[in-house]
Amino acid sequence: MGFMQFVDTRLKMMGQMLELSSADLTRLPYGAMDQQFRNATYRCLGCRNTEACTQWLNEGNPNRPVPGFCPNAELMNSVRD
């Protein structure tokens, strides 16, 4: 897998995590979203829990809290509907 494909795959996984957990980053305080999204992206790219994440995403159960193995769990869970 090339670097760009790796990045694309991780960003799609992050999007799926946001969607399944009903997390909405636009709920972050005004002015904080850009930096928080950037930090979340970097955490996702560096995450080593790909297998657990893939399994969680494949279960496809909506509206569940982001699991603790996710380096973005605290952020995403703080902006869930």
N, C-alpha and C. Protein backbone atom coordinates (compact mmCIF):
# COMPACT_ATOMS: atom_id res chain seq x y z
N MET A 1 0.86 -1.17 0.00
CA MET A 1 0.00 0.00 0.00
C MET A 1 0.91 1.23 0.00
N GLY A 2 0.64 2.12 -0.95
CA GLY A 2 1.40 3.35 -1.02
C GLY A 2 0.95 4.34 0.04
N PHE A 3 1.75 5.37 0.23
CA PHE A 3 1.47 6.34 1.27
C PHE A 3 0.12 7.02 1.08
N MET A 4 -0.19 7.46 -0.13
CA MET A 4 -1.45 8.17 -0.36
C MET A 4 -2.65 7.25 -0.15
N GLN A 5 -2.50 5.99 -0.52
CA GLN A 5 -3.58 5.03 -0.28
C GLN A 5 -3.76 4.80 1.22
N PHE A 6 -2.64 4.74 1.96
CA PHE A 6 -2.69 4.60 3.41
C PHE A 6 -3.45 5.77 4.03
N VAL A 7 -3.10 7.00 3.63
CA VAL A 7 -3.76 8.19 4.16
C VAL A 7 -5.25 8.16 3.82
N ASP A 8 -5.57 7.84 2.58
CA ASP A 8 -6.97 7.78 2.15
C ASP A 8 -7.75 6.76 2.97
N THR A 9 -7.17 5.59 3.20
CA THR A 9 -7.83 4.54 3.97
C THR A 9 -8.09 5.00 5.40
N ARG A 10 -7.08 5.61 6.02
CA ARG A 10 -7.23 6.07 7.40
C ARG A 10 -8.27 7.17 7.52
N LEU A 11 -8.28 8.09 6.57
CA LEU A 11 -9.27 9.17 6.63
C LEU A 11 -10.69 8.63 6.45
N LYS A 12 -10.84 7.63 5.61
CA LYS A 12 -12.15 7.00 5.45
C LYS A 12 -12.57 6.31 6.75
N MET A 13 -11.62 5.64 7.41
CA MET A 13 -11.92 4.99 8.68
C MET A 13 -12.34 6.02 9.72
N MET A 14 -11.63 7.14 9.76
CA MET A 14 -11.98 8.18 10.71
C MET A 14 -13.38 8.71 10.43
N GLY A 15 -13.70 8.91 9.17
CA GLY A 15 -15.04 9.36 8.79
C GLY A 15 -16.11 8.36 9.21
N GLN A 16 -15.83 7.09 9.02
CA GLN A 16 -16.78 6.05 9.43
C GLN A 16 -16.96 6.05 10.94
N MET A 17 -15.86 6.23 11.68
CA MET A 17 -15.93 6.26 13.14
C MET A 17 -16.81 7.43 13.59
N LEU A 18 -16.60 8.58 12.97
CA LEU A 18 -17.43 9.75 13.30
C LEU A 18 -18.90 9.46 13.02
N GLU A 19 -19.16 8.89 11.85
CA GLU A 19 -20.54 8.64 11.44
C GLU A 19 -21.22 7.60 12.33
N LEU A 20 -20.55 6.47 12.57
CA LEU A 20 -21.17 5.41 13.37
C LEU A 20 -21.41 5.84 14.81
N SER A 21 -20.53 6.66 15.33
CA SER A 21 -20.67 7.07 16.72
C SER A 21 -21.56 8.30 16.89
N SER A 22 -22.01 8.85 15.78
CA SER A 22 -22.81 10.08 15.78
C SER A 22 -22.05 11.26 16.38
N ALA A 23 -20.74 11.25 16.20
CA ALA A 23 -19.92 12.37 16.66
C ALA A 23 -19.95 13.45 15.59
N ASP A 24 -19.97 14.69 16.02
CA ASP A 24 -20.07 15.82 15.11
C ASP A 24 -19.04 16.88 15.52
N LEU A 25 -17.93 16.92 14.79
CA LEU A 25 -16.85 17.84 15.13
C LEU A 25 -17.25 19.30 15.00
N THR A 26 -18.34 19.58 14.30
CA THR A 26 -18.78 20.97 14.20
C THR A 26 -19.34 21.46 15.54
N ARG A 27 -19.52 20.57 16.49
CA ARG A 27 -19.98 20.95 17.82
C ARG A 27 -18.85 21.48 18.70
N LEU A 28 -17.63 21.42 18.19
CA LEU A 28 -16.49 21.96 18.93
C LEU A 28 -16.62 23.48 19.01
N PRO A 29 -16.03 24.09 20.03
CA PRO A 29 -16.09 25.55 20.15
C PRO A 29 -15.55 26.24 18.90
N TYR A 30 -16.16 27.36 18.57
CA TYR A 30 -15.73 28.13 17.41
C TYR A 30 -14.23 28.44 17.53
N GLY A 31 -13.52 28.22 16.46
CA GLY A 31 -12.09 28.48 16.43
C GLY A 31 -11.24 27.29 16.83
N ALA A 32 -11.84 26.29 17.44
CA ALA A 32 -11.08 25.12 17.88
C ALA A 32 -11.15 23.97 16.88
N MET A 33 -12.15 23.99 15.99
CA MET A 33 -12.37 22.85 15.12
C MET A 33 -11.19 22.55 14.22
N ASP A 34 -10.60 23.56 13.59
CA ASP A 34 -9.49 23.31 12.67
C ASP A 34 -8.34 22.58 13.36
N GLN A 35 -7.92 23.10 14.50
CA GLN A 35 -6.80 22.48 15.22
C GLN A 35 -7.17 21.10 15.74
N GLN A 36 -8.37 20.97 16.29
CA GLN A 36 -8.80 19.68 16.82
C GLN A 36 -8.90 18.62 15.70
N PHE A 37 -9.42 19.02 14.53
CA PHE A 37 -9.52 18.09 13.41
C PHE A 37 -8.13 17.69 12.94
N ARG A 38 -7.23 18.65 12.86
CA ARG A 38 -5.86 18.36 12.45
C ARG A 38 -5.21 17.38 13.42
N ASN A 39 -5.36 17.63 14.72
CA ASN A 39 -4.79 16.74 15.72
C ASN A 39 -5.41 15.35 15.65
N ALA A 40 -6.72 15.29 15.45
CA ALA A 40 -7.41 14.00 15.35
C ALA A 40 -6.90 13.22 14.12
N THR A 41 -6.68 13.93 13.04
CA THR A 41 -6.18 13.29 11.82
C THR A 41 -4.80 12.70 12.06
N TYR A 42 -3.92 13.46 12.69
CA TYR A 42 -2.58 12.96 12.99
C TYR A 42 -2.63 11.75 13.93
N ARG A 43 -3.51 11.81 14.93
CA ARG A 43 -3.64 10.66 15.84
C ARG A 43 -4.11 9.43 15.08
N CYS A 44 -5.05 9.61 14.19
CA CYS A 44 -5.58 8.48 13.40
C CYS A 44 -4.48 7.91 12.50
N LEU A 45 -3.75 8.77 11.86
CA LEU A 45 -2.68 8.30 10.96
C LEU A 45 -1.62 7.51 11.72
N GLY A 46 -1.37 7.88 12.98
CA GLY A 46 -0.36 7.19 13.77
C GLY A 46 -0.87 6.03 14.59
N CYS A 47 -2.15 5.78 14.54
CA CYS A 47 -2.76 4.73 15.37
C CYS A 47 -2.27 3.35 14.96
N ARG A 48 -2.06 2.52 15.95
CA ARG A 48 -1.61 1.14 15.71
C ARG A 48 -2.72 0.12 15.98
N ASN A 49 -3.94 0.59 16.16
CA ASN A 49 -5.08 -0.29 16.46
C ASN A 49 -5.95 -0.53 15.24
N THR A 50 -5.34 -0.63 14.09
CA THR A 50 -6.07 -0.76 12.83
C THR A 50 -7.00 -1.98 12.83
N GLU A 51 -6.51 -3.10 13.33
CA GLU A 51 -7.31 -4.32 13.31
C GLU A 51 -8.56 -4.18 14.18
N ALA A 52 -8.39 -3.66 15.39
CA ALA A 52 -9.54 -3.47 16.29
C ALA A 52 -10.51 -2.45 15.70
N CYS A 53 -9.96 -1.40 15.10
CA CYS A 53 -10.81 -0.37 14.51
C CYS A 53 -11.62 -0.94 13.34
N THR A 54 -10.95 -1.67 12.49
CA THR A 54 -11.63 -2.28 11.33
C THR A 54 -12.75 -3.19 11.81
N GLN A 55 -12.48 -3.99 12.83
CA GLN A 55 -13.51 -4.89 13.36
C GLN A 55 -14.69 -4.09 13.91
N TRP A 56 -14.41 -3.04 14.68
CA TRP A 56 -15.48 -2.21 15.25
C TRP A 56 -16.30 -1.58 14.14
N LEU A 57 -15.64 -1.05 13.12
CA LEU A 57 -16.35 -0.42 12.00
C LEU A 57 -17.18 -1.43 11.23
N ASN A 58 -16.66 -2.63 11.05
CA ASN A 58 -17.38 -3.66 10.29
C ASN A 58 -18.62 -4.16 11.03
N GLU A 59 -18.63 -4.03 12.35
CA GLU A 59 -19.83 -4.42 13.10
C GLU A 59 -20.99 -3.51 12.76
N GLY A 60 -20.68 -2.26 12.42
CA GLY A 60 -21.67 -1.33 11.89
C GLY A 60 -22.82 -0.97 12.78
N ASN A 61 -22.65 -1.10 14.09
CA ASN A 61 -23.73 -0.74 15.01
C ASN A 61 -23.69 0.77 15.27
N PRO A 62 -24.69 1.49 14.84
CA PRO A 62 -24.65 2.95 14.98
C PRO A 62 -24.91 3.44 16.40
N ASN A 63 -24.53 4.68 16.61
CA ASN A 63 -24.79 5.41 17.85
C ASN A 63 -24.12 4.82 19.09
N ARG A 64 -23.01 4.14 18.90
CA ARG A 64 -22.25 3.64 20.05
C ARG A 64 -21.12 4.61 20.35
N PRO A 65 -20.71 4.72 21.59
CA PRO A 65 -19.55 5.55 21.90
C PRO A 65 -18.31 5.01 21.19
N VAL A 66 -17.39 5.90 20.91
CA VAL A 66 -16.12 5.51 20.30
C VAL A 66 -15.37 4.68 21.34
N PRO A 67 -14.85 3.51 20.94
CA PRO A 67 -14.19 2.63 21.90
C PRO A 67 -12.87 3.20 22.42
N GLY A 68 -12.50 2.76 23.60
CA GLY A 68 -11.31 3.26 24.27
C GLY A 68 -10.01 3.03 23.55
N PHE A 69 -9.95 2.05 22.65
CA PHE A 69 -8.69 1.82 21.93
C PHE A 69 -8.40 2.93 20.92
N CYS A 70 -9.39 3.72 20.60
CA CYS A 70 -9.23 4.79 19.61
C CYS A 70 -8.53 5.99 20.25
N PRO A 71 -7.45 6.48 19.64
CA PRO A 71 -6.77 7.64 20.21
C PRO A 71 -7.61 8.92 20.15
N ASN A 72 -8.72 8.89 19.42
CA ASN A 72 -9.61 10.04 19.33
C ASN A 72 -10.90 9.84 20.12
N ALA A 73 -10.95 8.81 20.94
CA ALA A 73 -12.19 8.49 21.67
C ALA A 73 -12.66 9.66 22.53
N GLU A 74 -11.77 10.26 23.28
CA GLU A 74 -12.18 11.35 24.18
C GLU A 74 -12.78 12.51 23.38
N LEU A 75 -12.10 12.91 22.32
CA LEU A 75 -12.58 14.01 21.50
C LEU A 75 -13.93 13.66 20.86
N MET A 76 -14.00 12.52 20.20
CA MET A 76 -15.22 12.15 19.48
C MET A 76 -16.40 11.94 20.42
N ASN A 77 -16.15 11.31 21.56
CA ASN A 77 -17.23 11.09 22.52
C ASN A 77 -17.73 12.40 23.13
N SER A 78 -16.88 13.42 23.14
CA SER A 78 -17.28 14.70 23.73
C SER A 78 -18.21 15.48 22.80
N VAL A 79 -18.31 15.08 21.54
CA VAL A 79 -19.16 15.80 20.58
C VAL A 79 -20.22 14.89 19.96
N ARG A 80 -20.61 13.86 20.69
CA ARG A 80 -21.66 12.96 20.19
C ARG A 80 -23.01 13.62 20.40
N ASP A 81 -23.94 13.28 19.51
CA ASP A 81 -25.31 13.78 19.64
C ASP A 81 -26.00 13.19 20.84
